[in-house]
Structure formats: structure tokens, C-alpha cells
Amino acid sequence: MGRTRHDLRPLPPGQGLSSPAHRAFAGARASRPDRRAAYRDGVVRLSRVVVVLAALVRSVLADIDNAGAVAAPDGRAGVSSPRVAGAVAGLGGAEAARRHLDGSAVAAVVRADIEARRESADAYDAAGQSERAAVLRTEADTLTSYL
């Protein structure tokens, strides 16, 4: 008999997806009275994974946005504000267009972020904080899978 989409039994090694989301429900094959607790535990684990992944995505998107920023001009354009020192008067007076990053530039930013995470993981290992190092390595591996 084939597997259905509701079959939550773990797949044999090398088959199917091995993402944290799929591993979160691995305990759901318990007996009927324990199944609800297993599902609840899976949802809790899955929500933790989602929070960590959301933080990772926010961090990478911020790095990409920062890479697209342009340096502020030396001379300030427009009329300065009489109320705030260094402010520029007028709607959008201090705005500057961002650089457009093509796919290779975005990939370079992500690669730099991966390298920084791996270097930080090595530093955490040297300081005896292996749990934080493992988290950083997992994040680096996750980012690598998207390149």
C-alpha cells in the first residue's frame, strides 16, 4: 500500500524531505491516546523552527538591503531645517535611490553572510559554546541550500 499525504511515519533514510518541519512531526505515530500530545509537541517544535527561520530570513534580507544602500553625499542638497541641526527640509529631501542588485550580487551577499556565520561558529567553538556554534552552522547550511 502506498503512502498518503496524511501518513506521518518517518521515511527511510535518503527518501523524502528531511527538513526540520518534517522531523517535527516524527513522533506523531504514537498510539491513539498519545497522538494528540505528539501532534501538539510537533506543532511546538515546528513553531520554534519557523521562528528561527523567520529570524534568519530577516537577517539576510537586511544584509541585502544594506548592500543596496548608497553612500550619503558630502554636500547636503536642499535647504536645511531651522529647527533640527543637519536635517534637510522638504518631503524626501534626504532620500537617495538604492542601487539595483542583480542575482550575482545578491548571491555574493548571501555567500558573505554564510562565511561570517561559519567564522562566528568557529569562534564560539573556541570559546566553548558549542550549542550556539551548532545553530550558526545550521543557519549557514540552510542558506547554502538556497544558493
C-alpha atoms as a PDB file:
ATOM      1  CA  MET A   1       0.000   0.000   0.000  1.00  0.00           C
ATOM      2  CA  GLY A   2       1.340   3.453  -0.924  1.00  0.00           C
ATOM      3  CA  ARG A   3       1.903   6.365   1.386  1.00  0.00           C
ATOM      4  CA  THR A   4      -0.786   9.016   1.642  1.00  0.00           C
ATOM      5  CA  ARG A   5      -0.278  12.697   2.383  1.00  0.00           C
ATOM      6  CA  HIS A   6      -1.623  12.057   5.896  1.00  0.00           C
ATOM      7  CA  ASP A   7       0.936   9.343   6.631  1.00  0.00           C
ATOM      8  CA  LEU A   8       3.300  10.873   9.179  1.00  0.00           C
ATOM      9  CA  ARG A   9       5.631   7.922   9.616  1.00  0.00           C
ATOM     10  CA  PRO A  10       9.287   8.832   9.042  1.00  0.00           C
ATOM     11  CA  LEU A  11      10.630   7.874   5.648  1.00  0.00           C
ATOM     12  CA  PRO A  12      13.657   5.593   5.329  1.00  0.00           C
ATOM     13  CA  PRO A  13      16.997   7.431   5.169  1.00  0.00           C
ATOM     14  CA  GLY A  14      17.648   9.043   1.820  1.00  0.00           C
ATOM     15  CA  GLN A  15      13.968   9.314   0.897  1.00  0.00           C
ATOM     16  CA  GLY A  16      11.706  12.315   1.097  1.00  0.00           C
ATOM     17  CA  LEU A  17      12.421  15.589   2.801  1.00  0.00           C
ATOM     18  CA  SER A  18      14.473  15.754   5.967  1.00  0.00           C
ATOM     19  CA  SER A  19      13.689  19.355   6.835  1.00  0.00           C
ATOM     20  CA  PRO A  20      13.066  20.408  10.434  1.00  0.00           C
ATOM     21  CA  ALA A  21       9.383  20.823   9.579  1.00  0.00           C
ATOM     22  CA  HIS A  22       9.095  17.174   8.565  1.00  0.00           C
ATOM     23  CA  ARG A  23      11.131  15.981  11.544  1.00  0.00           C
ATOM     24  CA  ALA A  24       8.888  17.972  13.898  1.00  0.00           C
ATOM     25  CA  PHE A  25       6.028  15.508  13.407  1.00  0.00           C
ATOM     26  CA  ALA A  26       8.132  12.343  13.589  1.00  0.00           C
ATOM     27  CA  GLY A  27       6.637  11.453  16.982  1.00  0.00           C
ATOM     28  CA  ALA A  28       3.055  11.620  15.701  1.00  0.00           C
ATOM     29  CA  ARG A  29       2.901   7.867  15.043  1.00  0.00           C
ATOM     30  CA  ALA A  30       2.205   7.123  18.727  1.00  0.00           C
ATOM     31  CA  SER A  31      -0.831   5.237  19.972  1.00  0.00           C
ATOM     32  CA  ARG A  32      -4.222   6.903  19.698  1.00  0.00           C
ATOM     33  CA  PRO A  33      -4.387   8.424  23.248  1.00  0.00           C
ATOM     34  CA  ASP A  34      -0.857   9.786  22.886  1.00  0.00           C
ATOM     35  CA  ARG A  35      -1.362  11.026  19.332  1.00  0.00           C
ATOM     36  CA  ARG A  36      -2.825  14.376  20.411  1.00  0.00           C
ATOM     37  CA  ALA A  37       0.163  15.048  22.673  1.00  0.00           C
ATOM     38  CA  ALA A  38       2.523  14.015  19.883  1.00  0.00           C
ATOM     39  CA  TYR A  39       0.837  16.380  17.427  1.00  0.00           C
ATOM     40  CA  ARG A  40       0.931  19.196  19.984  1.00  0.00           C
ATOM     41  CA  ASP A  41       4.640  18.588  20.554  1.00  0.00           C
ATOM     42  CA  GLY A  42       5.192  18.566  16.801  1.00  0.00           C
ATOM     43  CA  VAL A  43       3.393  21.889  16.428  1.00  0.00           C
ATOM     44  CA  VAL A  44       5.504  23.392  19.210  1.00  0.00           C
ATOM     45  CA  ARG A  45       8.721  22.153  17.584  1.00  0.00           C
ATOM     46  CA  LEU A  46       7.541  23.367  14.192  1.00  0.00           C
ATOM     47  CA  SER A  47       6.686  26.817  15.554  1.00  0.00           C
ATOM     48  CA  ARG A  48      10.183  27.064  17.042  1.00  0.00           C
ATOM     49  CA  VAL A  49      11.679  26.165  13.670  1.00  0.00           C
ATOM     50  CA  VAL A  50       9.524  28.792  11.959  1.00  0.00           C
ATOM     51  CA  VAL A  51      10.649  31.473  14.429  1.00  0.00           C
ATOM     52  CA  VAL A  52      14.313  30.620  13.845  1.00  0.00           C
ATOM     53  CA  LEU A  53      13.881  30.537  10.063  1.00  0.00           C
ATOM     54  CA  ALA A  54      11.988  33.844  10.097  1.00  0.00           C
ATOM     55  CA  ALA A  55      14.825  35.469  12.046  1.00  0.00           C
ATOM     56  CA  LEU A  56      17.340  34.051   9.561  1.00  0.00           C
ATOM     57  CA  VAL A  57      15.363  35.377   6.593  1.00  0.00           C
ATOM     58  CA  ARG A  58      15.017  38.826   8.215  1.00  0.00           C
ATOM     59  CA  SER A  59      18.764  38.931   8.847  1.00  0.00           C
ATOM     60  CA  VAL A  60      19.667  38.006   5.261  1.00  0.00           C
ATOM     61  CA  LEU A  61      17.129  40.445   3.795  1.00  0.00           C
ATOM     62  CA  ALA A  62      18.589  43.220   5.952  1.00  0.00           C
ATOM     63  CA  ASP A  63      22.081  42.378   4.667  1.00  0.00           C
ATOM     64  CA  ILE A  64      20.821  42.513   1.074  1.00  0.00           C
ATOM     65  CA  ASP A  65      19.070  45.849   1.704  1.00  0.00           C
ATOM     66  CA  ASN A  66      22.216  47.257   3.308  1.00  0.00           C
ATOM     67  CA  ALA A  67      24.263  46.180   0.301  1.00  0.00           C
ATOM     68  CA  GLY A  68      21.923  48.198  -1.935  1.00  0.00           C
ATOM     69  CA  ALA A  69      22.357  51.392   0.096  1.00  0.00           C
ATOM     70  CA  VAL A  70      24.360  54.226  -1.370  1.00  0.00           C
ATOM     71  CA  ALA A  71      26.799  56.459   0.478  1.00  0.00           C
ATOM     72  CA  ALA A  72      25.439  59.789   1.651  1.00  0.00           C
ATOM     73  CA  PRO A  73      26.617  62.717  -0.479  1.00  0.00           C
ATOM     74  CA  ASP A  74      29.199  65.030   1.065  1.00  0.00           C
ATOM     75  CA  GLY A  75      27.243  68.205   0.413  1.00  0.00           C
ATOM     76  CA  ARG A  76      23.668  68.259   1.627  1.00  0.00           C
ATOM     77  CA  ALA A  77      21.142  69.051  -1.066  1.00  0.00           C
ATOM     78  CA  GLY A  78      18.200  71.297  -0.389  1.00  0.00           C
ATOM     79  CA  VAL A  79      17.547  73.778   2.345  1.00  0.00           C
ATOM     80  CA  SER A  80      18.492  72.809   5.898  1.00  0.00           C
ATOM     81  CA  SER A  81      15.839  72.868   8.578  1.00  0.00           C
ATOM     82  CA  PRO A  82      15.923  75.791  11.013  1.00  0.00           C
ATOM     83  CA  ARG A  83      14.621  73.555  13.842  1.00  0.00           C
ATOM     84  CA  VAL A  84      16.826  70.448  13.614  1.00  0.00           C
ATOM     85  CA  ALA A  85      20.574  70.630  13.035  1.00  0.00           C
ATOM     86  CA  GLY A  86      21.682  68.682   9.979  1.00  0.00           C
ATOM     87  CA  ALA A  87      18.144  67.915   8.811  1.00  0.00           C
ATOM     88  CA  VAL A  88      17.058  68.591   5.257  1.00  0.00           C
ATOM     89  CA  ALA A  89      13.809  70.444   4.692  1.00  0.00           C
ATOM     90  CA  GLY A  90      11.214  69.178   2.259  1.00  0.00           C
ATOM     91  CA  LEU A  91       9.472  65.876   1.691  1.00  0.00           C
ATOM     92  CA  GLY A  92      12.045  63.315   0.538  1.00  0.00           C
ATOM     93  CA  GLY A  93      14.837  65.877   0.597  1.00  0.00           C
ATOM     94  CA  ALA A  94      17.326  63.419   2.071  1.00  0.00           C
ATOM     95  CA  GLU A  95      16.217  60.364   0.092  1.00  0.00           C
ATOM     96  CA  ALA A  96      18.623  58.623  -2.283  1.00  0.00           C
ATOM     97  CA  ALA A  97      17.850  55.918  -4.814  1.00  0.00           C
ATOM     98  CA  ARG A  98      19.181  52.494  -3.891  1.00  0.00           C
ATOM     99  CA  ARG A  99      21.462  50.515  -6.157  1.00  0.00           C
ATOM    100  CA  HIS A 100      19.847  47.669  -8.057  1.00  0.00           C
ATOM    101  CA  LEU A 101      21.484  44.365  -7.139  1.00  0.00           C
ATOM    102  CA  ASP A 102      21.431  41.654  -9.755  1.00  0.00           C
ATOM    103  CA  GLY A 103      21.299  37.971  -8.903  1.00  0.00           C
ATOM    104  CA  SER A 104      25.066  37.532  -8.689  1.00  0.00           C
ATOM    105  CA  ALA A 105      25.403  40.494  -6.307  1.00  0.00           C
ATOM    106  CA  VAL A 106      22.665  39.094  -4.054  1.00  0.00           C
ATOM    107  CA  ALA A 107      24.353  35.669  -4.125  1.00  0.00           C
ATOM    108  CA  ALA A 108      27.649  37.331  -3.160  1.00  0.00           C
ATOM    109  CA  VAL A 109      25.966  38.982  -0.163  1.00  0.00           C
ATOM    110  CA  VAL A 110      24.477  35.650   0.916  1.00  0.00           C
ATOM    111  CA  ARG A 111      27.850  33.900   0.475  1.00  0.00           C
ATOM    112  CA  ALA A 112      29.500  36.562   2.642  1.00  0.00           C
ATOM    113  CA  ASP A 113      26.810  36.022   5.277  1.00  0.00           C
ATOM    114  CA  ILE A 114      27.396  32.258   5.161  1.00  0.00           C
ATOM    115  CA  GLU A 115      31.136  32.756   5.587  1.00  0.00           C
ATOM    116  CA  ALA A 116      30.588  35.156   8.503  1.00  0.00           C
ATOM    117  CA  ARG A 117      28.306  32.645  10.224  1.00  0.00           C
ATOM    118  CA  ARG A 118      30.863  29.852   9.811  1.00  0.00           C
ATOM    119  CA  GLU A 119      33.675  32.041  11.164  1.00  0.00           C
ATOM    120  CA  SER A 120      31.500  33.011  14.123  1.00  0.00           C
ATOM    121  CA  ALA A 121      30.700  29.338  14.717  1.00  0.00           C
ATOM    122  CA  ASP A 122      34.425  28.558  14.871  1.00  0.00           C
ATOM    123  CA  ALA A 123      34.897  31.398  17.371  1.00  0.00           C
ATOM    124  CA  TYR A 124      32.025  30.084  19.509  1.00  0.00           C
ATOM    125  CA  ASP A 125      33.550  26.588  19.425  1.00  0.00           C
ATOM    126  CA  ALA A 126      36.886  28.018  20.563  1.00  0.00           C
ATOM    127  CA  ALA A 127      35.064  29.775  23.427  1.00  0.00           C
ATOM    128  CA  GLY A 128      33.369  26.519  24.467  1.00  0.00           C
ATOM    129  CA  GLN A 129      29.855  27.473  23.322  1.00  0.00           C
ATOM    130  CA  SER A 130      29.161  24.530  21.054  1.00  0.00           C
ATOM    131  CA  GLU A 131      25.355  24.924  21.104  1.00  0.00           C
ATOM    132  CA  ARG A 132      25.491  28.447  19.640  1.00  0.00           C
ATOM    133  CA  ALA A 133      28.110  27.264  17.139  1.00  0.00           C
ATOM    134  CA  ALA A 134      25.796  24.446  16.025  1.00  0.00           C
ATOM    135  CA  VAL A 135      22.955  26.934  15.492  1.00  0.00           C
ATOM    136  CA  LEU A 136      25.178  29.157  13.347  1.00  0.00           C
ATOM    137  CA  ARG A 137      26.382  26.185  11.294  1.00  0.00           C
ATOM    138  CA  THR A 138      22.789  25.051  10.746  1.00  0.00           C
ATOM    139  CA  GLU A 139      21.873  28.563   9.595  1.00  0.00           C
ATOM    140  CA  ALA A 140      24.874  28.598   7.230  1.00  0.00           C
ATOM    141  CA  ASP A 141      23.865  25.199   5.826  1.00  0.00           C
ATOM    142  CA  THR A 142      20.282  26.402   5.378  1.00  0.00           C
ATOM    143  CA  LEU A 143      21.481  29.471   3.463  1.00  0.00           C
ATOM    144  CA  THR A 144      23.816  27.319   1.370  1.00  0.00           C
ATOM    145  CA  SER A 145      20.856  25.192   0.282  1.00  0.00           C
ATOM    146  CA  TYR A 146      19.234  28.298  -1.254  1.00  0.00           C
ATOM    147  CA  LEU A 147      22.219  29.246  -3.431  1.00  0.00           C
END
